[in-house]
N, C-alpha and C. Protein backbone atom coordinates (compact mmCIF):
# COMPACT_ATOMS: atom_id res chain seq x y z
N MET A 1 -12.59 11.38 -9.45
CA MET A 1 -12.83 10.61 -10.65
C MET A 1 -11.79 9.48 -10.70
N PRO A 2 -12.23 8.24 -10.87
CA PRO A 2 -11.31 7.11 -10.95
C PRO A 2 -10.41 7.19 -12.18
N LEU A 3 -9.24 6.60 -12.06
CA LEU A 3 -8.28 6.56 -13.16
C LEU A 3 -8.08 5.11 -13.55
N SER A 4 -8.15 4.83 -14.83
CA SER A 4 -7.90 3.47 -15.33
C SER A 4 -6.60 3.46 -16.11
N LEU A 5 -5.85 2.38 -15.98
CA LEU A 5 -4.60 2.22 -16.72
C LEU A 5 -4.74 1.03 -17.65
N ASN A 6 -4.24 1.18 -18.86
CA ASN A 6 -4.19 0.06 -19.80
C ASN A 6 -2.78 -0.51 -19.77
N ILE A 7 -2.67 -1.76 -19.41
CA ILE A 7 -1.37 -2.43 -19.37
C ILE A 7 -1.37 -3.45 -20.49
N PRO A 8 -0.43 -3.32 -21.41
CA PRO A 8 -0.39 -4.24 -22.55
C PRO A 8 -0.23 -5.70 -22.11
N ASN A 9 -0.85 -6.61 -22.86
CA ASN A 9 -0.76 -8.04 -22.55
C ASN A 9 0.69 -8.50 -22.43
N GLN A 10 1.55 -7.98 -23.28
CA GLN A 10 2.96 -8.36 -23.27
C GLN A 10 3.59 -8.04 -21.90
N VAL A 11 3.22 -6.92 -21.32
CA VAL A 11 3.73 -6.53 -20.00
C VAL A 11 3.13 -7.43 -18.93
N LEU A 12 1.84 -7.69 -19.01
CA LEU A 12 1.19 -8.57 -18.03
C LEU A 12 1.83 -9.95 -18.00
N GLU A 13 2.15 -10.46 -19.16
CA GLU A 13 2.79 -11.77 -19.24
C GLU A 13 4.21 -11.72 -18.67
N ALA A 14 4.89 -10.61 -18.85
CA ALA A 14 6.28 -10.48 -18.41
C ALA A 14 6.41 -10.36 -16.89
N VAL A 15 5.40 -9.83 -16.22
CA VAL A 15 5.51 -9.63 -14.77
C VAL A 15 5.23 -10.90 -13.97
N ARG A 16 4.85 -11.95 -14.63
CA ARG A 16 4.65 -13.26 -14.00
C ARG A 16 3.70 -13.22 -12.81
N VAL A 17 2.56 -12.62 -13.02
CA VAL A 17 1.48 -12.63 -12.04
C VAL A 17 0.31 -13.32 -12.71
N PRO A 18 -0.33 -14.28 -12.04
CA PRO A 18 -1.49 -14.92 -12.65
C PRO A 18 -2.52 -13.87 -13.07
N ARG A 19 -3.04 -14.01 -14.26
CA ARG A 19 -3.99 -13.02 -14.78
C ARG A 19 -5.16 -12.80 -13.82
N SER A 20 -5.56 -13.83 -13.12
CA SER A 20 -6.68 -13.70 -12.18
C SER A 20 -6.35 -12.79 -11.00
N ARG A 21 -5.06 -12.58 -10.72
CA ARG A 21 -4.64 -11.73 -9.61
C ARG A 21 -3.95 -10.45 -10.08
N ALA A 22 -3.87 -10.24 -11.38
CA ALA A 22 -3.08 -9.13 -11.92
C ALA A 22 -3.56 -7.77 -11.40
N ARG A 23 -4.84 -7.51 -11.45
CA ARG A 23 -5.35 -6.20 -11.02
C ARG A 23 -5.00 -5.96 -9.55
N GLU A 24 -5.29 -6.94 -8.71
CA GLU A 24 -5.03 -6.82 -7.27
C GLU A 24 -3.53 -6.66 -7.00
N ALA A 25 -2.72 -7.52 -7.59
CA ALA A 25 -1.27 -7.51 -7.33
C ALA A 25 -0.62 -6.22 -7.81
N LEU A 26 -0.96 -5.78 -9.01
CA LEU A 26 -0.35 -4.57 -9.55
C LEU A 26 -0.81 -3.32 -8.81
N THR A 27 -2.05 -3.29 -8.40
CA THR A 27 -2.55 -2.15 -7.62
C THR A 27 -1.83 -2.09 -6.27
N GLN A 28 -1.64 -3.24 -5.64
CA GLN A 28 -0.93 -3.26 -4.36
C GLN A 28 0.52 -2.85 -4.52
N GLU A 29 1.17 -3.32 -5.57
CA GLU A 29 2.57 -2.94 -5.80
C GLU A 29 2.69 -1.44 -6.07
N LEU A 30 1.73 -0.88 -6.77
CA LEU A 30 1.70 0.56 -6.99
C LEU A 30 1.57 1.28 -5.66
N ALA A 31 0.69 0.80 -4.80
CA ALA A 31 0.49 1.41 -3.48
C ALA A 31 1.78 1.39 -2.67
N PHE A 32 2.47 0.26 -2.64
CA PHE A 32 3.72 0.17 -1.89
C PHE A 32 4.79 1.09 -2.48
N SER A 33 4.85 1.16 -3.80
CA SER A 33 5.83 2.01 -4.46
C SER A 33 5.58 3.49 -4.17
N LEU A 34 4.33 3.92 -4.26
CA LEU A 34 4.00 5.32 -3.99
C LEU A 34 4.33 5.68 -2.54
N TYR A 35 4.05 4.77 -1.62
CA TYR A 35 4.36 5.01 -0.22
C TYR A 35 5.88 5.10 -0.02
N ALA A 36 6.62 4.16 -0.59
CA ALA A 36 8.07 4.12 -0.43
C ALA A 36 8.72 5.40 -0.95
N ARG A 37 8.16 5.96 -2.01
CA ARG A 37 8.72 7.18 -2.62
C ARG A 37 8.22 8.45 -1.96
N GLY A 38 7.35 8.32 -0.95
CA GLY A 38 6.83 9.49 -0.26
C GLY A 38 5.75 10.22 -1.04
N MET A 39 5.18 9.55 -2.03
CA MET A 39 4.16 10.17 -2.87
C MET A 39 2.74 9.94 -2.35
N ALA A 40 2.60 9.02 -1.39
CA ALA A 40 1.30 8.73 -0.79
C ALA A 40 1.50 8.45 0.69
N SER A 41 0.56 8.88 1.49
CA SER A 41 0.61 8.61 2.92
C SER A 41 0.30 7.14 3.17
N PHE A 42 0.52 6.71 4.39
CA PHE A 42 0.23 5.33 4.78
C PHE A 42 -1.24 5.00 4.48
N GLY A 43 -2.14 5.85 4.95
CA GLY A 43 -3.57 5.60 4.77
C GLY A 43 -4.01 5.61 3.32
N THR A 44 -3.49 6.55 2.55
CA THR A 44 -3.85 6.63 1.14
C THR A 44 -3.35 5.41 0.38
N ALA A 45 -2.10 5.04 0.62
CA ALA A 45 -1.53 3.88 -0.06
C ALA A 45 -2.26 2.60 0.35
N ARG A 46 -2.58 2.49 1.62
CA ARG A 46 -3.29 1.31 2.12
C ARG A 46 -4.65 1.18 1.45
N ARG A 47 -5.36 2.29 1.34
CA ARG A 47 -6.68 2.27 0.68
C ARG A 47 -6.55 1.94 -0.80
N LEU A 48 -5.55 2.49 -1.46
CA LEU A 48 -5.32 2.18 -2.87
C LEU A 48 -5.11 0.68 -3.05
N GLY A 49 -4.32 0.08 -2.18
CA GLY A 49 -4.05 -1.34 -2.26
C GLY A 49 -5.16 -2.22 -1.71
N ARG A 50 -6.20 -1.56 -1.16
CA ARG A 50 -7.33 -2.28 -0.54
C ARG A 50 -6.85 -3.29 0.50
N LEU A 51 -5.96 -2.79 1.38
CA LEU A 51 -5.38 -3.63 2.43
C LEU A 51 -5.75 -3.08 3.79
N THR A 52 -5.83 -3.97 4.77
CA THR A 52 -6.02 -3.51 6.14
C THR A 52 -4.72 -2.87 6.61
N LYS A 53 -4.79 -2.18 7.73
CA LYS A 53 -3.59 -1.56 8.30
C LYS A 53 -2.51 -2.62 8.51
N TRP A 54 -2.90 -3.76 9.05
CA TRP A 54 -1.93 -4.82 9.37
C TRP A 54 -1.37 -5.47 8.10
N GLU A 55 -2.22 -5.67 7.11
CA GLU A 55 -1.74 -6.24 5.84
C GLU A 55 -0.74 -5.30 5.17
N PHE A 56 -1.03 -3.99 5.23
CA PHE A 56 -0.12 -3.03 4.62
C PHE A 56 1.21 -3.00 5.36
N MET A 57 1.16 -3.02 6.69
CA MET A 57 2.39 -3.03 7.49
C MET A 57 3.21 -4.29 7.19
N GLU A 58 2.53 -5.41 7.06
CA GLU A 58 3.20 -6.68 6.73
C GLU A 58 3.87 -6.59 5.35
N GLY A 59 3.16 -6.01 4.40
CA GLY A 59 3.71 -5.84 3.06
C GLY A 59 4.92 -4.92 3.04
N LEU A 60 4.89 -3.87 3.86
CA LEU A 60 6.05 -2.98 3.97
C LEU A 60 7.26 -3.76 4.48
N ALA A 61 7.03 -4.57 5.51
CA ALA A 61 8.13 -5.35 6.09
C ALA A 61 8.68 -6.35 5.08
N GLU A 62 7.80 -7.03 4.35
CA GLU A 62 8.24 -8.00 3.34
C GLU A 62 9.11 -7.35 2.27
N ARG A 63 8.80 -6.11 1.95
CA ARG A 63 9.52 -5.39 0.90
C ARG A 63 10.66 -4.54 1.46
N GLU A 64 10.85 -4.62 2.77
CA GLU A 64 11.88 -3.85 3.48
C GLU A 64 11.74 -2.35 3.22
N ILE A 65 10.50 -1.87 3.26
CA ILE A 65 10.20 -0.45 3.09
C ILE A 65 10.05 0.15 4.48
N GLN A 66 10.83 1.19 4.76
CA GLN A 66 10.77 1.86 6.05
C GLN A 66 9.42 2.55 6.22
N ARG A 67 8.88 2.47 7.42
CA ARG A 67 7.62 3.15 7.72
C ARG A 67 7.90 4.62 7.97
N HIS A 68 7.13 5.50 7.36
CA HIS A 68 7.23 6.94 7.58
C HIS A 68 6.33 7.25 8.78
N TYR A 69 6.93 7.41 9.92
CA TYR A 69 6.16 7.58 11.15
C TYR A 69 6.29 9.02 11.61
N HIS A 70 5.19 9.75 11.61
CA HIS A 70 5.19 11.16 11.94
C HIS A 70 4.66 11.39 13.35
N GLU A 71 4.93 12.57 13.88
CA GLU A 71 4.54 12.91 15.24
C GLU A 71 3.04 12.77 15.45
N ASP A 72 2.23 13.20 14.49
CA ASP A 72 0.78 13.10 14.65
C ASP A 72 0.32 11.64 14.71
N GLU A 73 1.02 10.74 14.01
CA GLU A 73 0.69 9.31 14.10
C GLU A 73 1.05 8.76 15.48
N LEU A 74 2.16 9.23 16.02
CA LEU A 74 2.56 8.82 17.37
C LEU A 74 1.51 9.25 18.38
N LYS A 75 1.06 10.49 18.27
CA LYS A 75 0.02 11.00 19.18
C LYS A 75 -1.25 10.15 19.07
N GLU A 76 -1.64 9.82 17.85
CA GLU A 76 -2.83 8.99 17.64
C GLU A 76 -2.65 7.61 18.26
N ASP A 77 -1.48 7.02 18.07
CA ASP A 77 -1.21 5.69 18.64
C ASP A 77 -1.20 5.73 20.17
N LEU A 78 -0.62 6.78 20.74
CA LEU A 78 -0.59 6.91 22.20
C LEU A 78 -2.00 7.09 22.76
N LYS A 79 -2.80 7.89 22.06
CA LYS A 79 -4.19 8.10 22.47
C LYS A 79 -4.95 6.77 22.44
N TYR A 80 -4.75 6.01 21.38
CA TYR A 80 -5.41 4.71 21.24
C TYR A 80 -4.97 3.77 22.35
N ALA A 81 -3.67 3.75 22.63
CA ALA A 81 -3.14 2.86 23.67
C ALA A 81 -3.70 3.21 25.04
N LYS A 82 -3.90 4.50 25.27
CA LYS A 82 -4.40 4.96 26.57
C LYS A 82 -5.90 4.73 26.72
N ASN A 83 -6.66 5.06 25.69
CA ASN A 83 -8.12 5.03 25.77
C ASN A 83 -8.77 3.87 25.03
N GLY A 84 -8.04 3.22 24.18
CA GLY A 84 -8.63 2.17 23.36
C GLY A 84 -9.50 2.72 22.25
N LYS A 85 -9.38 4.01 21.93
CA LYS A 85 -10.18 4.64 20.87
C LYS A 85 -9.28 5.34 19.88
């Protein structure tokens, strides 16, 4: 079930994000924050922010957020590098 948040106009004005981009920008910032705090996996946070893998990685670098790289991700990356799948 989707969750909606009500953000008061006063807060929206204070964060200095154009209203036309507020939903997108705040959702992405939430995704990065949850990932940084270990509350969401890379894939979950990326989907929440509606970002591609590369966009999410770029956003992590811009925010100087360390990537949580686990052994199973390494195995997946090695498999992809070897087989292209």
